[in-house]
Amino acid sequence: MKKTSSENAFEYLFKKTREAILILDHSGKILTINSAAERLFQIKQEKIRGKSIRKIIPTPLLQQTMDRLKKKPDSQPISLTINQRTTSHGDETILQATVIPQPAQHKVTGYLVVTRDITKERKMEKTLQENQHLYRFVVENSPWAMYAVTADGTVTWLNSTFEKLSGWKRSEWLGKNFSSIIHPDDLPLAIKTLRETLRGKKVPPYQLRVRSKSGEYLNGEFKTGI
């Protein structure tokens, strides 16, 4: 029988995609896998055909998901994140698996499991989060007062050193315009440097007087950047 265009498209995708594809029967036994699945799970198709999916993805979560879909054949595909050891060295791999039911006559006759290795992505996310935590810790505990303002001069963030040096509580300045804390004679310079910074110009360090909680003006060296 001549294959339909959709069947030809699936066959091409099955062979060429980088994602591991496993085709299962209604009981979860493997009918076939593509070459990407052979590489990911380090197993040949002929050795796994007819075996339970649990042989290569042993987590109960996958079986529970298939059982859920079996009760509702018209359900949308379900995506899972699975941690398991897939290499001969015992390295942990994080997999993202999408289970797609194959319904026929109001019942599930099989499943399509599309899997990809997201280990590197998750490690990068973890590293990024750790770097963000470290950056926040360093900035918050810096010996220099640090702040962030919007283009119109509204204060959006201040570190704890600002409180120690000025005597102000951060809550007293968040949402307010920074111009009220700058000495009137220094305000034109403060506005000028802010505008130049927003235009992308590199501004050298400059001196401003900042009003403390006691009313005394404190001399400080400022550096701005985006």
N, C-alpha and C. Protein backbone atom coordinates (compact mmCIF):
# COMPACT_ATOMS: atom_id res chain seq x y z
N MET A 1 0.84 -1.19 0.00
CA MET A 1 0.00 0.00 0.00
C MET A 1 0.88 1.25 0.00
N LYS A 2 0.51 2.21 -0.79
CA LYS A 2 1.27 3.45 -0.90
C LYS A 2 1.10 4.27 0.38
N LYS A 3 2.23 4.81 0.87
CA LYS A 3 2.19 5.60 2.11
C LYS A 3 1.63 6.99 1.82
N THR A 4 0.93 7.52 2.82
CA THR A 4 0.40 8.88 2.70
C THR A 4 1.53 9.88 2.94
N SER A 5 1.27 11.12 2.58
CA SER A 5 2.28 12.16 2.78
C SER A 5 2.61 12.34 4.26
N SER A 6 1.62 12.22 5.12
CA SER A 6 1.85 12.36 6.56
C SER A 6 2.69 11.20 7.09
N GLU A 7 2.47 10.01 6.55
CA GLU A 7 3.27 8.85 6.96
C GLU A 7 4.72 9.01 6.51
N ASN A 8 4.90 9.53 5.30
CA ASN A 8 6.26 9.77 4.81
C ASN A 8 6.97 10.83 5.66
N ALA A 9 6.22 11.87 6.03
CA ALA A 9 6.79 12.95 6.84
C ALA A 9 7.21 12.42 8.21
N PHE A 10 6.35 11.58 8.83
CA PHE A 10 6.69 11.02 10.13
C PHE A 10 7.91 10.11 10.03
N GLU A 11 7.97 9.31 8.97
CA GLU A 11 9.11 8.40 8.80
C GLU A 11 10.41 9.18 8.65
N TYR A 12 10.35 10.29 7.92
CA TYR A 12 11.53 11.13 7.74
C TYR A 12 11.94 11.75 9.08
N LEU A 13 10.95 12.26 9.82
CA LEU A 13 11.21 12.86 11.12
C LEU A 13 11.76 11.83 12.09
N PHE A 14 11.20 10.65 12.08
CA PHE A 14 11.62 9.57 12.97
C PHE A 14 13.10 9.25 12.78
N LYS A 15 13.53 9.28 11.53
CA LYS A 15 14.91 8.92 11.23
C LYS A 15 15.89 10.07 11.45
N LYS A 16 15.45 11.28 11.15
CA LYS A 16 16.39 12.41 11.11
C LYS A 16 16.43 13.26 12.38
N THR A 17 15.38 13.23 13.18
CA THR A 17 15.34 14.10 14.35
C THR A 17 16.44 13.74 15.35
N ARG A 18 16.88 14.76 16.11
CA ARG A 18 17.87 14.54 17.15
C ARG A 18 17.23 14.07 18.45
N GLU A 19 15.92 14.15 18.52
CA GLU A 19 15.22 13.72 19.72
C GLU A 19 14.97 12.22 19.67
N ALA A 20 15.11 11.60 20.83
CA ALA A 20 14.89 10.15 20.91
C ALA A 20 13.39 9.87 20.84
N ILE A 21 12.99 8.98 19.95
CA ILE A 21 11.58 8.62 19.81
C ILE A 21 11.43 7.12 20.05
N LEU A 22 10.51 6.79 20.94
CA LEU A 22 10.20 5.39 21.23
C LEU A 22 8.72 5.16 20.94
N ILE A 23 8.43 4.13 20.18
CA ILE A 23 7.05 3.78 19.87
C ILE A 23 6.69 2.54 20.68
N LEU A 24 5.64 2.66 21.48
CA LEU A 24 5.23 1.59 22.39
C LEU A 24 3.86 1.06 22.02
N ASP A 25 3.58 -0.19 22.42
CA ASP A 25 2.22 -0.70 22.27
C ASP A 25 1.39 -0.28 23.48
N HIS A 26 0.18 -0.75 23.55
CA HIS A 26 -0.74 -0.31 24.60
C HIS A 26 -0.28 -0.70 26.01
N SER A 27 0.56 -1.74 26.09
CA SER A 27 1.01 -2.21 27.41
C SER A 27 2.35 -1.60 27.82
N GLY A 28 2.93 -0.80 26.94
CA GLY A 28 4.20 -0.17 27.27
C GLY A 28 5.41 -0.93 26.76
N LYS A 29 5.19 -1.94 25.89
CA LYS A 29 6.32 -2.66 25.31
C LYS A 29 6.83 -1.89 24.08
N ILE A 30 8.14 -1.94 23.90
CA ILE A 30 8.77 -1.18 22.83
C ILE A 30 8.59 -1.89 21.48
N LEU A 31 8.02 -1.16 20.52
CA LEU A 31 7.88 -1.68 19.17
C LEU A 31 9.09 -1.31 18.32
N THR A 32 9.52 -0.06 18.47
CA THR A 32 10.71 0.39 17.74
C THR A 32 11.24 1.67 18.36
N ILE A 33 12.50 1.95 18.13
CA ILE A 33 13.10 3.20 18.57
C ILE A 33 13.95 3.74 17.43
N ASN A 34 14.18 5.04 17.42
CA ASN A 34 14.99 5.60 16.35
C ASN A 34 16.46 5.62 16.75
N SER A 35 17.31 6.05 15.81
CA SER A 35 18.76 6.04 16.07
C SER A 35 19.14 7.01 17.18
N ALA A 36 18.38 8.12 17.32
CA ALA A 36 18.66 9.06 18.41
C ALA A 36 18.43 8.41 19.77
N ALA A 37 17.41 7.55 19.86
CA ALA A 37 17.14 6.83 21.10
C ALA A 37 18.24 5.80 21.38
N GLU A 38 18.75 5.19 20.33
CA GLU A 38 19.85 4.23 20.51
C GLU A 38 21.07 4.93 21.11
N ARG A 39 21.35 6.14 20.62
CA ARG A 39 22.50 6.89 21.14
C ARG A 39 22.27 7.35 22.57
N LEU A 40 21.07 7.85 22.84
CA LEU A 40 20.78 8.38 24.17
C LEU A 40 20.83 7.28 25.23
N PHE A 41 20.21 6.17 24.94
CA PHE A 41 20.12 5.09 25.94
C PHE A 41 21.21 4.04 25.77
N GLN A 42 22.08 4.22 24.76
CA GLN A 42 23.21 3.33 24.51
C GLN A 42 22.76 1.87 24.41
N ILE A 43 21.79 1.66 23.54
CA ILE A 43 21.26 0.32 23.34
C ILE A 43 20.78 0.17 21.90
N LYS A 44 20.95 -0.99 21.34
CA LYS A 44 20.51 -1.24 19.98
C LYS A 44 19.04 -1.65 19.95
N GLN A 45 18.37 -1.28 18.87
CA GLN A 45 16.94 -1.54 18.74
C GLN A 45 16.61 -3.03 18.86
N GLU A 46 17.44 -3.86 18.24
CA GLU A 46 17.13 -5.29 18.23
C GLU A 46 17.21 -5.92 19.62
N LYS A 47 17.95 -5.27 20.53
CA LYS A 47 18.07 -5.81 21.88
C LYS A 47 16.96 -5.36 22.81
N ILE A 48 16.26 -4.32 22.41
CA ILE A 48 15.23 -3.77 23.30
C ILE A 48 13.82 -3.98 22.75
N ARG A 49 13.69 -4.30 21.47
CA ARG A 49 12.37 -4.47 20.87
C ARG A 49 11.60 -5.59 21.60
N GLY A 50 10.37 -5.29 21.96
CA GLY A 50 9.53 -6.26 22.66
C GLY A 50 9.67 -6.21 24.18
N LYS A 51 10.63 -5.45 24.66
CA LYS A 51 10.84 -5.32 26.11
C LYS A 51 10.01 -4.13 26.64
N SER A 52 9.79 -4.14 27.94
CA SER A 52 9.05 -3.05 28.57
C SER A 52 9.87 -1.76 28.55
N ILE A 53 9.19 -0.64 28.43
CA ILE A 53 9.86 0.67 28.46
C ILE A 53 10.62 0.85 29.76
N ARG A 54 10.19 0.13 30.80
CA ARG A 54 10.85 0.24 32.11
C ARG A 54 12.30 -0.25 32.07
N LYS A 55 12.66 -1.00 31.03
CA LYS A 55 14.03 -1.49 30.89
C LYS A 55 15.00 -0.33 30.68
N ILE A 56 14.54 0.74 30.02
CA ILE A 56 15.44 1.87 29.76
C ILE A 56 15.00 3.16 30.46
N ILE A 57 13.70 3.24 30.80
CA ILE A 57 13.23 4.37 31.61
C ILE A 57 12.47 3.78 32.79
N PRO A 58 13.19 3.41 33.85
CA PRO A 58 12.57 2.65 34.94
C PRO A 58 11.68 3.44 35.89
N THR A 59 11.65 4.76 35.80
CA THR A 59 10.87 5.54 36.75
C THR A 59 9.38 5.17 36.71
N PRO A 60 8.76 4.99 37.87
CA PRO A 60 7.32 4.69 37.93
C PRO A 60 6.48 5.82 37.34
N LEU A 61 7.04 7.03 37.32
CA LEU A 61 6.30 8.19 36.84
C LEU A 61 5.85 8.02 35.40
N LEU A 62 6.68 7.39 34.57
CA LEU A 62 6.31 7.18 33.17
C LEU A 62 5.14 6.22 33.06
N GLN A 63 5.18 5.12 33.81
CA GLN A 63 4.07 4.16 33.78
C GLN A 63 2.79 4.79 34.31
N GLN A 64 2.90 5.60 35.36
CA GLN A 64 1.72 6.28 35.91
C GLN A 64 1.12 7.23 34.89
N THR A 65 1.97 7.87 34.12
CA THR A 65 1.49 8.79 33.09
C THR A 65 0.76 8.05 31.99
N MET A 66 1.30 6.92 31.57
CA MET A 66 0.64 6.12 30.54
C MET A 66 -0.71 5.59 31.05
N ASP A 67 -0.75 5.22 32.32
CA ASP A 67 -2.01 4.74 32.90
C ASP A 67 -3.06 5.85 32.90
N ARG A 68 -2.63 7.07 33.20
CA ARG A 68 -3.55 8.22 33.18
C ARG A 68 -4.10 8.45 31.78
N LEU A 69 -3.22 8.38 30.79
CA LEU A 69 -3.64 8.62 29.41
C LEU A 69 -4.54 7.49 28.90
N LYS A 70 -4.31 6.30 29.41
CA LYS A 70 -5.12 5.16 28.98
C LYS A 70 -6.58 5.34 29.39
N LYS A 71 -6.79 6.01 30.53
CA LYS A 71 -8.15 6.25 31.00
C LYS A 71 -8.85 7.36 30.21
N LYS A 72 -8.04 8.24 29.62
CA LYS A 72 -8.59 9.35 28.82
C LYS A 72 -7.85 9.41 27.49
N PRO A 73 -8.24 8.58 26.54
CA PRO A 73 -7.52 8.46 25.26
C PRO A 73 -7.38 9.77 24.49
N ASP A 74 -8.31 10.69 24.70
CA ASP A 74 -8.27 11.94 23.94
C ASP A 74 -7.48 13.03 24.66
N SER A 75 -6.75 12.66 25.71
CA SER A 75 -5.98 13.64 26.47
C SER A 75 -4.85 14.24 25.65
N GLN A 76 -4.43 15.43 26.04
CA GLN A 76 -3.28 16.06 25.42
C GLN A 76 -2.00 15.36 25.89
N PRO A 77 -0.91 15.46 25.12
CA PRO A 77 0.37 14.88 25.54
C PRO A 77 0.81 15.43 26.89
N ILE A 78 1.52 14.62 27.64
CA ILE A 78 2.01 15.02 28.97
C ILE A 78 3.52 15.00 28.96
N SER A 79 4.12 16.07 29.46
CA SER A 79 5.58 16.17 29.53
C SER A 79 6.07 15.89 30.95
N LEU A 80 7.18 15.19 31.04
CA LEU A 80 7.76 14.80 32.33
C LEU A 80 9.23 15.17 32.36
N THR A 81 9.74 15.41 33.56
CA THR A 81 11.19 15.56 33.74
C THR A 81 11.65 14.37 34.56
N ILE A 82 12.63 13.65 34.02
CA ILE A 82 13.06 12.39 34.62
C ILE A 82 14.56 12.43 34.90
N ASN A 83 14.92 12.08 36.12
CA ASN A 83 16.34 11.95 36.48
C ASN A 83 16.69 10.48 36.50
N GLN A 84 17.69 10.09 35.74
CA GLN A 84 18.10 8.70 35.76
C GLN A 84 19.53 8.56 35.25
N ARG A 85 20.09 7.38 35.46
CA ARG A 85 21.43 7.10 34.98
C ARG A 85 21.31 6.36 33.65
N THR A 86 21.87 6.98 32.58
CA THR A 86 21.71 6.38 31.26
C THR A 86 23.04 5.98 30.64
N THR A 87 24.17 6.30 31.29
CA THR A 87 25.46 5.98 30.70
C THR A 87 26.13 4.84 31.45
N SER A 88 27.10 4.23 30.78
CA SER A 88 27.82 3.11 31.38
C SER A 88 28.68 3.56 32.55
N HIS A 89 28.98 4.87 32.60
CA HIS A 89 29.77 5.42 33.71
C HIS A 89 28.90 5.74 34.93
N GLY A 90 27.60 5.60 34.79
CA GLY A 90 26.71 5.87 35.91
C GLY A 90 26.40 7.33 36.11
N ASP A 91 26.68 8.16 35.09
CA ASP A 91 26.39 9.59 35.20
C ASP A 91 24.88 9.81 35.19
N GLU A 92 24.45 10.78 36.00
CA GLU A 92 23.02 11.09 36.04
C GLU A 92 22.64 11.96 34.85
N THR A 93 21.56 11.61 34.21
CA THR A 93 21.07 12.35 33.06
C THR A 93 19.67 12.86 33.38
N ILE A 94 19.39 14.08 32.98
CA ILE A 94 18.06 14.64 33.16
C ILE A 94 17.36 14.61 31.81
N LEU A 95 16.25 13.92 31.76
CA LEU A 95 15.52 13.76 30.51
C LEU A 95 14.20 14.51 30.55
N GLN A 96 13.82 15.04 29.42
CA GLN A 96 12.47 15.58 29.27
C GLN A 96 11.74 14.66 28.31
N ALA A 97 10.69 14.05 28.80
CA ALA A 97 9.94 13.08 27.99
C ALA A 97 8.51 13.56 27.79
N THR A 98 8.05 13.50 26.56
CA THR A 98 6.67 13.84 26.24
C THR A 98 5.96 12.57 25.80
N VAL A 99 4.91 12.21 26.52
CA VAL A 99 4.17 10.99 26.24
C VAL A 99 2.91 11.35 25.45
N ILE A 100 2.82 10.80 24.24
CA ILE A 100 1.71 11.11 23.35
C ILE A 100 0.87 9.85 23.13
N PRO A 101 -0.38 9.85 23.56
CA PRO A 101 -1.23 8.66 23.36
C PRO A 101 -1.62 8.51 21.90
N GLN A 102 -1.76 7.27 21.48
CA GLN A 102 -2.20 6.97 20.12
C GLN A 102 -3.58 6.31 20.20
N PRO A 103 -4.63 7.13 20.14
CA PRO A 103 -5.98 6.58 20.32
C PRO A 103 -6.57 5.99 19.04
N ALA A 104 -7.43 5.01 19.21
CA ALA A 104 -8.19 4.43 18.10
C ALA A 104 -9.44 3.80 18.68
N GLN A 105 -10.58 4.18 18.13
CA GLN A 105 -11.88 3.66 18.60
C GLN A 105 -12.03 3.84 20.12
N HIS A 106 -11.74 5.06 20.57
CA HIS A 106 -11.95 5.46 21.97
C HIS A 106 -11.09 4.72 22.99
N LYS A 107 -9.97 4.19 22.54
CA LYS A 107 -9.06 3.58 23.49
C LYS A 107 -7.62 3.79 23.01
N VAL A 108 -6.68 3.71 23.94
CA VAL A 108 -5.28 3.90 23.60
C VAL A 108 -4.70 2.59 23.06
N THR A 109 -4.15 2.65 21.85
CA THR A 109 -3.55 1.46 21.25
C THR A 109 -2.03 1.48 21.31
N GLY A 110 -1.50 2.61 21.74
CA GLY A 110 -0.04 2.71 21.84
C GLY A 110 0.37 4.10 22.30
N TYR A 111 1.68 4.28 22.42
CA TYR A 111 2.21 5.57 22.88
C TYR A 111 3.43 5.95 22.06
N LEU A 112 3.58 7.22 21.91
CA LEU A 112 4.78 7.79 21.31
C LEU A 112 5.48 8.55 22.42
N VAL A 113 6.72 8.18 22.73
CA VAL A 113 7.47 8.85 23.78
C VAL A 113 8.65 9.59 23.13
N VAL A 114 8.58 10.90 23.17
CA VAL A 114 9.64 11.74 22.58
C VAL A 114 10.51 12.25 23.72
N THR A 115 11.78 11.93 23.66
CA THR A 115 12.68 12.21 24.78
C THR A 115 13.91 12.98 24.32
N ARG A 116 14.34 13.91 25.17
CA ARG A 116 15.62 14.59 24.88
C ARG A 116 16.39 14.81 26.18
N ASP A 117 17.68 14.89 26.03
CA ASP A 117 18.58 15.09 27.16
C ASP A 117 18.68 16.58 27.45
N ILE A 118 18.25 17.00 28.65
CA ILE A 118 18.30 18.41 29.02
C ILE A 118 19.28 18.64 30.17
N THR A 119 20.22 17.70 30.34
CA THR A 119 21.17 17.79 31.44
C THR A 119 21.98 19.08 31.39
N LYS A 120 22.54 19.40 30.21
CA LYS A 120 23.37 20.60 30.07
C LYS A 120 22.55 21.86 30.34
N GLU A 121 21.30 21.88 29.84
CA GLU A 121 20.44 23.05 30.05
C GLU A 121 20.19 23.27 31.53
N ARG A 122 19.89 22.19 32.26
CA ARG A 122 19.61 22.31 33.68
C ARG A 122 20.85 22.72 34.47
N LYS A 123 22.01 22.20 34.07
CA LYS A 123 23.24 22.57 34.75
C LYS A 123 23.55 24.05 34.52
N MET A 124 23.29 24.52 33.29
CA MET A 124 23.51 25.94 32.98
C MET A 124 22.55 26.81 33.79
N GLU A 125 21.29 26.37 33.91
CA GLU A 125 20.31 27.11 34.71
C GLU A 125 20.75 27.17 36.17
N LYS A 126 21.25 26.05 36.67
CA LYS A 126 21.70 26.00 38.07
C LYS A 126 22.89 26.93 38.29
N THR A 127 23.85 26.90 37.33
CA THR A 127 25.02 27.77 37.43
C THR A 127 24.61 29.23 37.39
N LEU A 128 23.67 29.55 36.50
CA LEU A 128 23.19 30.92 36.39
C LEU A 128 22.53 31.38 37.68
N GLN A 129 21.71 30.52 38.28
CA GLN A 129 21.05 30.85 39.54
C GLN A 129 22.08 31.07 40.65
N GLU A 130 23.09 30.19 40.68
CA GLU A 130 24.14 30.31 41.71
C GLU A 130 24.91 31.61 41.52
N ASN A 131 25.20 31.96 40.26
CA ASN A 131 25.91 33.21 39.98
C ASN A 131 25.07 34.42 40.36
N GLN A 132 23.76 34.33 40.12
CA GLN A 132 22.87 35.43 40.50
C GLN A 132 22.83 35.60 42.01
N HIS A 133 22.77 34.48 42.74
CA HIS A 133 22.78 34.54 44.20
C HIS A 133 24.08 35.15 44.70
N LEU A 134 25.19 34.73 44.08
CA LEU A 134 26.50 35.24 44.48
C LEU A 134 26.60 36.74 44.20
N TYR A 135 26.10 37.13 43.01
CA TYR A 135 26.14 38.55 42.64
C TYR A 135 25.33 39.38 43.62
N ARG A 136 24.13 38.90 43.96
CA ARG A 136 23.29 39.64 44.91
C ARG A 136 23.95 39.74 46.28
N PHE A 137 24.61 38.65 46.70
CA PHE A 137 25.30 38.66 47.99
C PHE A 137 26.43 39.69 47.99
N VAL A 138 27.24 39.68 46.92
CA VAL A 138 28.38 40.60 46.83
C VAL A 138 27.90 42.04 46.80
N VAL A 139 26.89 42.32 45.98
CA VAL A 139 26.38 43.69 45.86
C VAL A 139 25.75 44.16 47.16
N GLU A 140 24.97 43.29 47.78
CA GLU A 140 24.28 43.67 49.01
C GLU A 140 25.26 43.94 50.14
N ASN A 141 26.37 43.21 50.14
CA ASN A 141 27.33 43.35 51.23
C ASN A 141 28.58 44.14 50.83
N SER A 142 28.48 44.86 49.74
CA SER A 142 29.61 45.68 49.28
C SER A 142 29.91 46.79 50.29
N PRO A 143 31.17 47.19 50.44
CA PRO A 143 31.50 48.31 51.34
C PRO A 143 31.08 49.66 50.75
N TRP A 144 30.66 49.67 49.48
CA TRP A 144 30.20 50.90 48.84
C TRP A 144 28.68 50.92 48.76
N ALA A 145 28.13 52.07 48.95
CA ALA A 145 26.68 52.24 48.78
C ALA A 145 26.34 52.09 47.30
N MET A 146 25.34 51.28 47.00
CA MET A 146 24.93 51.05 45.61
C MET A 146 23.45 51.31 45.47
N TYR A 147 23.05 51.73 44.29
CA TYR A 147 21.66 52.09 44.06
C TYR A 147 21.30 51.85 42.60
N ALA A 148 20.02 51.85 42.34
CA ALA A 148 19.52 51.75 40.97
C ALA A 148 18.37 52.74 40.82
N VAL A 149 18.37 53.46 39.70
CA VAL A 149 17.31 54.43 39.43
C VAL A 149 16.80 54.22 38.01
N THR A 150 15.58 54.66 37.75
CA THR A 150 15.00 54.60 36.42
C THR A 150 15.48 55.82 35.62
N ALA A 151 15.06 55.90 34.37
CA ALA A 151 15.48 57.00 33.50
C ALA A 151 15.04 58.36 34.03
N ASP A 152 13.93 58.39 34.78
CA ASP A 152 13.46 59.68 35.31
C ASP A 152 14.00 59.95 36.72
N GLY A 153 14.88 59.07 37.20
CA GLY A 153 15.51 59.31 38.50
C GLY A 153 14.82 58.66 39.68
N THR A 154 13.82 57.82 39.43
CA THR A 154 13.12 57.15 40.54
C THR A 154 13.99 56.04 41.11
N VAL A 155 14.16 56.02 42.42
CA VAL A 155 14.99 55.01 43.08
C VAL A 155 14.24 53.68 43.12
N THR A 156 14.87 52.64 42.60
CA THR A 156 14.22 51.31 42.58
C THR A 156 14.93 50.29 43.46
N TRP A 157 16.17 50.58 43.84
CA TRP A 157 16.92 49.62 44.66
C TRP A 157 18.07 50.32 45.36
N LEU A 158 18.35 49.88 46.59
CA LEU A 158 19.47 50.39 47.39
C LEU A 158 20.04 49.23 48.19
N ASN A 159 21.35 49.18 48.35
CA ASN A 159 21.89 48.11 49.17
C ASN A 159 21.97 48.51 50.64
N SER A 160 22.33 47.56 51.48
CA SER A 160 22.32 47.81 52.92
C SER A 160 23.37 48.83 53.35
N THR A 161 24.45 48.96 52.57
CA THR A 161 25.50 49.92 52.91
C THR A 161 24.97 51.35 52.84
N PHE A 162 24.01 51.59 51.95
CA PHE A 162 23.39 52.92 51.86
C PHE A 162 22.78 53.29 53.22
N GLU A 163 22.12 52.32 53.84
CA GLU A 163 21.50 52.57 55.14
C GLU A 163 22.56 52.91 56.20
N LYS A 164 23.65 52.13 56.18
CA LYS A 164 24.70 52.32 57.19
C LYS A 164 25.38 53.68 57.07
N LEU A 165 25.62 54.11 55.82
CA LEU A 165 26.35 55.36 55.61
C LEU A 165 25.47 56.60 55.75
N SER A 166 24.21 56.48 55.30
CA SER A 166 23.35 57.68 55.26
C SER A 166 22.42 57.80 56.46
N GLY A 167 22.15 56.67 57.11
CA GLY A 167 21.19 56.69 58.22
C GLY A 167 19.76 56.52 57.77
N TRP A 168 19.51 56.59 56.44
CA TRP A 168 18.15 56.40 55.92
C TRP A 168 17.82 54.91 55.86
N LYS A 169 16.55 54.59 56.01
CA LYS A 169 16.06 53.26 55.71
C LYS A 169 15.79 53.18 54.20
N ARG A 170 16.05 52.04 53.62
CA ARG A 170 15.81 51.91 52.18
C ARG A 170 14.36 52.23 51.82
N SER A 171 13.44 51.79 52.68
CA SER A 171 12.01 52.00 52.41
C SER A 171 11.64 53.47 52.32
N GLU A 172 12.49 54.34 52.91
CA GLU A 172 12.21 55.78 52.89
C GLU A 172 12.51 56.41 51.53
N TRP A 173 13.27 55.69 50.69
CA TRP A 173 13.65 56.26 49.40
C TRP A 173 13.17 55.47 48.19
N LEU A 174 12.80 54.24 48.38
CA LEU A 174 12.32 53.44 47.25
C LEU A 174 11.05 54.07 46.67
N GLY A 175 11.05 54.27 45.38
CA GLY A 175 9.89 54.87 44.71
C GLY A 175 9.93 56.38 44.65
N LYS A 176 10.94 56.97 45.30
CA LYS A 176 11.07 58.42 45.28
C LYS A 176 12.17 58.85 44.31
N ASN A 177 12.16 60.14 43.94
CA ASN A 177 13.16 60.64 43.01
C ASN A 177 14.46 60.97 43.75
N PHE A 178 15.57 60.57 43.15
CA PHE A 178 16.86 60.75 43.81
C PHE A 178 17.25 62.22 43.99
N SER A 179 16.63 63.11 43.23
CA SER A 179 17.01 64.52 43.28
C SER A 179 16.83 65.14 44.67
N SER A 180 15.91 64.58 45.46
CA SER A 180 15.63 65.14 46.78
C SER A 180 16.74 64.88 47.80
N ILE A 181 17.62 63.94 47.48
CA ILE A 181 18.68 63.60 48.42
C ILE A 181 20.02 64.23 48.03
N ILE A 182 20.07 64.81 46.83
CA ILE A 182 21.31 65.42 46.32
C ILE A 182 21.34 66.90 46.70
N HIS A 183 22.51 67.42 47.03
CA HIS A 183 22.66 68.84 47.34
C HIS A 183 22.21 69.66 46.12
N PRO A 184 21.42 70.71 46.32
CA PRO A 184 20.90 71.51 45.20
C PRO A 184 21.98 71.98 44.23
N ASP A 185 23.14 72.34 44.74
CA ASP A 185 24.22 72.81 43.86
C ASP A 185 24.81 71.70 43.00
N ASP A 186 24.66 70.45 43.45
CA ASP A 186 25.22 69.30 42.72
C ASP A 186 24.20 68.63 41.80
N LEU A 187 22.95 69.05 41.92
CA LEU A 187 21.89 68.39 41.16
C LEU A 187 22.09 68.47 39.65
N PRO A 188 22.48 69.61 39.07
CA PRO A 188 22.70 69.67 37.61
C PRO A 188 23.71 68.62 37.14
N LEU A 189 24.79 68.42 37.90
CA LEU A 189 25.80 67.41 37.54
C LEU A 189 25.21 66.01 37.62
N ALA A 190 24.41 65.75 38.66
CA ALA A 190 23.80 64.42 38.84
C ALA A 190 22.87 64.10 37.67
N ILE A 191 22.08 65.08 37.24
CA ILE A 191 21.14 64.87 36.13
C ILE A 191 21.91 64.68 34.82
N LYS A 192 22.94 65.48 34.63
CA LYS A 192 23.75 65.40 33.42
C LYS A 192 24.40 64.02 33.28
N THR A 193 25.00 63.52 34.36
CA THR A 193 25.67 62.23 34.29
C THR A 193 24.68 61.09 34.08
N LEU A 194 23.50 61.21 34.66
CA LEU A 194 22.47 60.19 34.45
C LEU A 194 22.07 60.14 32.98
N ARG A 195 21.85 61.29 32.36
CA ARG A 195 21.46 61.34 30.95
C ARG A 195 22.57 60.80 30.04
N GLU A 196 23.81 61.15 30.36
CA GLU A 196 24.92 60.68 29.55
C GLU A 196 25.08 59.16 29.66
N THR A 197 24.87 58.66 30.86
CA THR A 197 24.94 57.21 31.07
C THR A 197 23.87 56.49 30.27
N LEU A 198 22.65 57.03 30.28
CA LEU A 198 21.55 56.42 29.53
C LEU A 198 21.79 56.44 28.03
N ARG A 199 22.58 57.42 27.56
CA ARG A 199 22.91 57.48 26.14
C ARG A 199 24.08 56.55 25.79
N GLY A 200 24.59 55.86 26.80
CA GLY A 200 25.67 54.91 26.56
C GLY A 200 27.06 55.50 26.68
N LYS A 201 27.16 56.72 27.14
CA LYS A 201 28.46 57.37 27.27
C LYS A 201 29.13 56.91 28.57
N LYS A 202 30.43 56.69 28.49
CA LYS A 202 31.19 56.30 29.68
C LYS A 202 31.50 57.55 30.48
N VAL A 203 31.00 57.59 31.70
CA VAL A 203 31.15 58.78 32.55
C VAL A 203 32.23 58.53 33.59
N PRO A 204 33.22 59.40 33.70
CA PRO A 204 34.27 59.23 34.72
C PRO A 204 33.70 59.45 36.12
N PRO A 205 34.37 58.98 37.16
CA PRO A 205 33.90 59.21 38.53
C PRO A 205 33.71 60.70 38.81
N TYR A 206 32.73 61.02 39.62
CA TYR A 206 32.42 62.42 39.93
C TYR A 206 32.00 62.54 41.38
N GLN A 207 32.03 63.75 41.91
CA GLN A 207 31.73 64.01 43.31
C GLN A 207 30.32 64.60 43.46
N LEU A 208 29.59 64.09 44.44
CA LEU A 208 28.27 64.64 44.79
C LEU A 208 28.15 64.69 46.31
N ARG A 209 27.33 65.63 46.77
CA ARG A 209 27.00 65.67 48.18
C ARG A 209 25.60 65.11 48.39
N VAL A 210 25.50 64.16 49.31
CA VAL A 210 24.24 63.46 49.55
C VAL A 210 23.76 63.76 50.97
N ARG A 211 22.48 64.07 51.09
CA ARG A 211 21.90 64.42 52.39
C ARG A 211 21.67 63.17 53.23
N SER A 212 22.22 63.19 54.44
CA SER A 212 22.03 62.07 55.35
C SER A 212 20.73 62.25 56.13
N LYS A 213 20.38 61.24 56.90
CA LYS A 213 19.17 61.29 57.71
C LYS A 213 19.23 62.45 58.71
N SER A 214 20.42 62.76 59.20
CA SER A 214 20.58 63.83 60.19
C SER A 214 20.50 65.22 59.56
N GLY A 215 20.51 65.27 58.22
CA GLY A 215 20.48 66.56 57.54
C GLY A 215 21.84 67.01 57.07
N GLU A 216 22.88 66.34 57.55
CA GLU A 216 24.24 66.67 57.13
C GLU A 216 24.48 66.13 55.72
N TYR A 217 25.25 66.87 54.93
CA TYR A 217 25.58 66.41 53.57
C TYR A 217 26.91 65.65 53.61
N LEU A 218 26.89 64.49 53.02
CA LEU A 218 28.07 63.63 52.96
C LEU A 218 28.68 63.71 51.58
N ASN A 219 30.00 63.89 51.51
CA ASN A 219 30.71 63.92 50.22
C ASN A 219 30.97 62.49 49.77
N GLY A 220 30.65 62.22 48.50
CA GLY A 220 30.88 60.87 47.98
C GLY A 220 31.34 60.89 46.54
N GLU A 221 32.11 59.86 46.19
CA GLU A 221 32.52 59.68 44.79
C GLU A 221 31.54 58.71 44.14
N PHE A 222 31.05 59.08 42.96
CA PHE A 222 30.02 58.29 42.28
C PHE A 222 30.54 57.74 40.96
N LYS A 223 30.08 56.52 40.67
CA LYS A 223 30.32 55.91 39.36
C LYS A 223 28.97 55.40 38.86
N THR A 224 28.68 55.65 37.60
CA THR A 224 27.39 55.20 37.06
C THR A 224 27.60 54.24 35.90
N GLY A 225 26.62 53.39 35.69
CA GLY A 225 26.67 52.44 34.59
C GLY A 225 25.31 51.81 34.39
N ILE A 226 25.16 51.19 33.23
CA ILE A 226 23.88 50.52 32.92
C ILE A 226 24.06 49.02 33.09
